[in-house]
N, C-alpha and C. Protein backbone atom coordinates (compact mmCIF):
# COMPACT_ATOMS: atom_id res chain seq x y z
N MET A 1 -20.22 1.76 -7.08
CA MET A 1 -20.27 1.70 -6.00
C MET A 1 -18.83 1.61 -4.85
N ALA A 2 -19.19 2.46 -3.72
CA ALA A 2 -18.03 2.88 -2.98
C ALA A 2 -17.70 1.42 -1.57
N LEU A 3 -16.63 0.84 -1.04
CA LEU A 3 -16.99 -0.32 -0.12
C LEU A 3 -17.59 0.56 1.05
N SER A 4 -17.89 -0.51 1.34
CA SER A 4 -18.13 -0.18 3.36
C SER A 4 -16.89 -0.30 4.19
N TYR A 5 -17.22 0.34 4.90
CA TYR A 5 -15.79 0.55 6.25
C TYR A 5 -15.33 -1.13 6.23
N LYS A 6 -16.55 -1.92 6.50
CA LYS A 6 -15.37 -3.46 6.73
C LYS A 6 -15.17 -4.05 5.52
N ALA A 7 -15.61 -3.33 4.37
CA ALA A 7 -14.57 -4.57 3.00
C ALA A 7 -13.96 -3.17 3.34
N ARG A 8 -13.65 -2.42 3.17
CA ARG A 8 -12.27 -1.51 3.01
C ARG A 8 -11.39 -1.77 3.80
N ARG A 9 -11.53 -2.52 5.00
CA ARG A 9 -10.71 -2.71 6.68
C ARG A 9 -9.74 -3.91 5.65
N ARG A 10 -11.01 -5.05 5.55
CA ARG A 10 -10.70 -6.09 4.95
C ARG A 10 -9.57 -5.55 3.75
N TRP A 11 -9.71 -5.32 2.73
CA TRP A 11 -9.13 -5.12 1.49
C TRP A 11 -7.58 -4.56 2.02
N ALA A 12 -7.32 -3.42 2.57
CA ALA A 12 -6.34 -2.76 3.13
C ALA A 12 -5.67 -3.86 4.12
N LEU A 13 -6.03 -5.07 4.88
CA LEU A 13 -5.40 -6.01 5.59
C LEU A 13 -5.15 -6.70 3.96
N VAL A 14 -5.38 -7.23 3.46
CA VAL A 14 -5.04 -8.27 2.14
C VAL A 14 -3.68 -7.26 1.29
N ILE A 15 -4.31 -5.84 1.19
CA ILE A 15 -3.14 -5.03 0.57
C ILE A 15 -1.67 -5.21 1.33
N LEU A 16 -1.83 -5.53 2.89
CA LEU A 16 -0.48 -4.97 3.59
C LEU A 16 -0.17 -6.54 3.71
N LEU A 17 -0.97 -7.27 4.08
CA LEU A 17 -0.03 -8.27 3.90
C LEU A 17 0.48 -9.16 3.02
N ILE A 18 -0.18 -9.59 2.26
CA ILE A 18 -0.02 -9.97 0.28
C ILE A 18 0.86 -9.30 -0.83
N ALA A 19 0.09 -8.35 -0.92
CA ALA A 19 0.32 -7.53 -1.90
C ALA A 19 1.60 -6.65 -1.88
N LEU A 20 1.52 -6.11 -1.07
CA LEU A 20 2.87 -4.89 -0.84
C LEU A 20 3.97 -5.97 -0.52
N PRO A 21 4.37 -6.76 0.43
CA PRO A 21 5.37 -7.88 0.04
C PRO A 21 6.02 -8.41 -1.42
N LEU A 22 4.71 -8.51 -2.02
CA LEU A 22 5.05 -9.20 -3.54
C LEU A 22 5.56 -7.87 -3.95
N TYR A 23 4.66 -6.20 -3.96
CA TYR A 23 5.43 -5.34 -4.62
C TYR A 23 6.65 -5.52 -4.36
N ILE A 24 7.37 -5.47 -2.92
CA ILE A 24 8.82 -5.23 -2.52
C ILE A 24 9.99 -5.92 -3.28
N LEU A 25 9.45 -7.66 -3.02
CA LEU A 25 10.24 -8.26 -3.70
C LEU A 25 10.78 -7.93 -5.24
N THR A 26 9.14 -7.80 -6.33
CA THR A 26 9.13 -7.78 -7.18
C THR A 26 9.85 -6.36 -7.84
N ALA A 27 9.81 -5.33 -6.86
CA ALA A 27 10.76 -3.79 -6.65
C ALA A 27 12.09 -3.77 -6.36
N SER A 28 12.56 -4.78 -5.65
CA SER A 28 14.09 -4.95 -5.46
C SER A 28 14.64 -6.16 -6.67
N TRP A 29 13.43 -6.77 -6.97
CA TRP A 29 14.59 -8.08 -8.48
C TRP A 29 14.08 -6.74 -9.24
N ALA A 30 13.57 -6.08 -9.72
CA ALA A 30 13.89 -5.16 -10.83
C ALA A 30 15.01 -4.13 -10.77
N VAL A 31 15.39 -3.54 -9.51
CA VAL A 31 16.38 -2.46 -9.41
C VAL A 31 17.84 -3.60 -9.95
N THR A 32 17.42 -5.05 -9.11
CA THR A 32 18.71 -5.73 -9.46
C THR A 32 19.36 -5.82 -10.63
N LEU A 33 18.27 -6.40 -11.64
CA LEU A 33 18.60 -6.32 -12.94
C LEU A 33 19.30 -4.90 -13.44
N LEU A 34 19.35 -3.63 -12.72
CA LEU A 34 19.63 -2.83 -13.08
C LEU A 34 21.23 -2.93 -13.26
N GLU A 35 21.95 -3.83 -12.71
CA GLU A 35 23.49 -4.03 -12.10
C GLU A 35 23.75 -3.69 -11.25
N ARG A 36 23.10 -3.38 -9.87
CA ARG A 36 22.98 -2.39 -9.06
C ARG A 36 24.04 -0.78 -9.33
N PRO A 37 22.94 0.32 -9.92
CA PRO A 37 23.09 1.04 -9.45
C PRO A 37 23.90 1.72 -8.35
N SER A 38 24.32 3.46 -8.58
CA SER A 38 25.07 3.72 -7.16
C SER A 38 23.81 4.05 -6.15
N ILE A 39 24.30 4.23 -4.68
CA ILE A 39 23.53 3.96 -4.03
C ILE A 39 22.64 4.81 -3.79
N LEU A 40 22.72 6.22 -4.62
CA LEU A 40 21.85 7.13 -4.50
C LEU A 40 20.56 7.00 -5.85
N VAL A 41 21.13 6.22 -6.74
CA VAL A 41 20.41 6.37 -7.58
C VAL A 41 19.38 4.91 -7.54
N GLU A 42 20.03 4.03 -6.52
CA GLU A 42 19.37 3.24 -5.86
C GLU A 42 18.15 3.50 -4.75
N LEU A 43 18.28 4.07 -3.93
CA LEU A 43 17.39 5.33 -3.35
C LEU A 43 16.25 5.82 -3.74
N LEU A 44 16.21 6.55 -5.18
CA LEU A 44 15.97 7.47 -5.49
C LEU A 44 14.88 6.48 -6.10
N ILE A 45 15.45 5.20 -6.76
CA ILE A 45 14.39 4.18 -7.14
C ILE A 45 13.38 3.82 -6.42
N TYR A 46 13.89 3.27 -4.97
CA TYR A 46 12.79 3.07 -3.92
C TYR A 46 12.26 3.71 -3.96
N VAL A 47 12.42 5.25 -3.50
CA VAL A 47 11.29 6.22 -2.88
C VAL A 47 10.24 6.60 -4.00
N ILE A 48 10.52 6.57 -4.94
CA ILE A 48 9.50 6.44 -6.09
C ILE A 48 8.74 4.77 -6.41
N LEU A 49 9.38 4.44 -5.69
CA LEU A 49 7.98 2.95 -6.17
C LEU A 49 7.69 2.67 -4.96
N GLY A 50 8.29 3.52 -3.92
CA GLY A 50 7.44 3.51 -2.71
C GLY A 50 6.24 4.43 -2.73
N ILE A 51 6.30 5.05 -3.18
CA ILE A 51 5.03 6.42 -3.42
C ILE A 51 3.97 5.62 -4.25
N VAL A 52 4.49 5.07 -5.70
CA VAL A 52 3.54 5.12 -6.54
C VAL A 52 2.80 3.55 -6.03
N TRP A 53 3.53 3.07 -5.11
CA TRP A 53 2.85 1.56 -4.99
C TRP A 53 1.06 1.86 -4.26
N ALA A 54 1.31 3.05 -3.33
CA ALA A 54 0.38 3.47 -2.50
C ALA A 54 -0.82 4.36 -3.42
N LEU A 55 -0.77 4.71 -3.97
CA LEU A 55 -1.47 5.65 -5.36
C LEU A 55 -2.93 5.34 -5.61
N PRO A 56 -3.14 4.15 -6.07
CA PRO A 56 -3.89 3.37 -5.98
C PRO A 56 -5.00 2.75 -5.17
N PHE A 57 -4.05 3.06 -4.07
CA PHE A 57 -5.30 2.22 -3.38
C PHE A 57 -5.49 4.05 -1.93
N ARG A 58 -5.35 4.32 -2.19
CA ARG A 58 -5.93 5.98 -1.48
C ARG A 58 -6.97 5.80 -1.32
N ALA A 59 -8.25 5.16 -1.99
CA ALA A 59 -9.19 4.99 -1.12
C ALA A 59 -9.96 4.08 -0.04
N VAL A 60 -9.13 2.94 -0.26
CA VAL A 60 -9.23 1.92 0.21
C VAL A 60 -8.24 2.70 1.68
N PHE A 61 -7.51 3.08 1.99
CA PHE A 61 -6.78 3.27 3.29
C PHE A 61 -7.38 4.13 3.85
N ARG A 62 -8.19 5.03 2.98
CA ARG A 62 -8.85 6.76 3.42
C ARG A 62 -9.40 6.38 4.47
N GLY A 63 -9.17 6.89 6.03
CA GLY A 63 -10.38 6.53 7.35
C GLY A 63 -9.94 4.93 7.61
N ILE A 64 -9.75 4.44 7.69
CA ILE A 64 -9.23 3.06 8.15
C ILE A 64 -9.47 3.14 9.24
N GLY A 65 -8.21 3.88 9.97
CA GLY A 65 -7.97 4.22 11.43
C GLY A 65 -9.00 4.82 12.57
N GLN A 66 -10.09 5.49 11.71
CA GLN A 66 -10.81 5.76 12.64
C GLN A 66 -11.90 5.01 12.69
N ALA A 67 -12.77 5.05 13.80
CA ALA A 67 -14.00 4.55 14.22
C ALA A 67 -15.05 4.12 13.15
N ASP A 68 -15.61 3.31 12.96
CA ASP A 68 -16.18 2.36 12.08
C ASP A 68 -17.77 3.60 12.27
N PRO A 69 -18.16 4.39 11.09
CA PRO A 69 -18.76 5.63 10.76
C PRO A 69 -20.14 4.96 10.19
N ASP A 70 -20.35 3.90 10.18
CA ASP A 70 -21.51 2.27 9.95
C ASP A 70 -22.18 2.10 11.87
N ALA A 71 -21.25 1.80 12.88
CA ALA A 71 -21.76 1.31 14.03
C ALA A 71 -22.84 2.39 14.69
N ASN A 72 -22.94 1.53 15.46
CA ASN A 72 -24.11 2.50 15.89
C ASN A 72 -23.89 3.45 17.21
N ARG A 73 -24.01 4.56 17.47
CA ARG A 73 -23.70 5.05 18.33
C ARG A 73 -24.24 5.36 19.93
N ASP A 74 -25.25 4.59 20.24
CA ASP A 74 -26.20 4.33 21.26
C ASP A 74 -25.08 3.37 22.07
N PRO A 75 -25.08 3.87 23.73
CA PRO A 75 -24.55 2.97 24.25
C PRO A 75 -25.43 1.38 24.75
């Protein structure tokens, strides 16, 4: 079952305001467990983790910046 436009907007807000900061904290904590690798390795890890977090949420974020397709177009 596909989410409605309003549901996708709400979930996107929850993901960006709650889940993303938690993911950032977890990723930085995980990198510090490696006893601070070289700057290039650390940068590569952060780039990979930055891409990986968004992959499961592509469907939620798709079309969020567009106008509501379910809204009445009549003035």
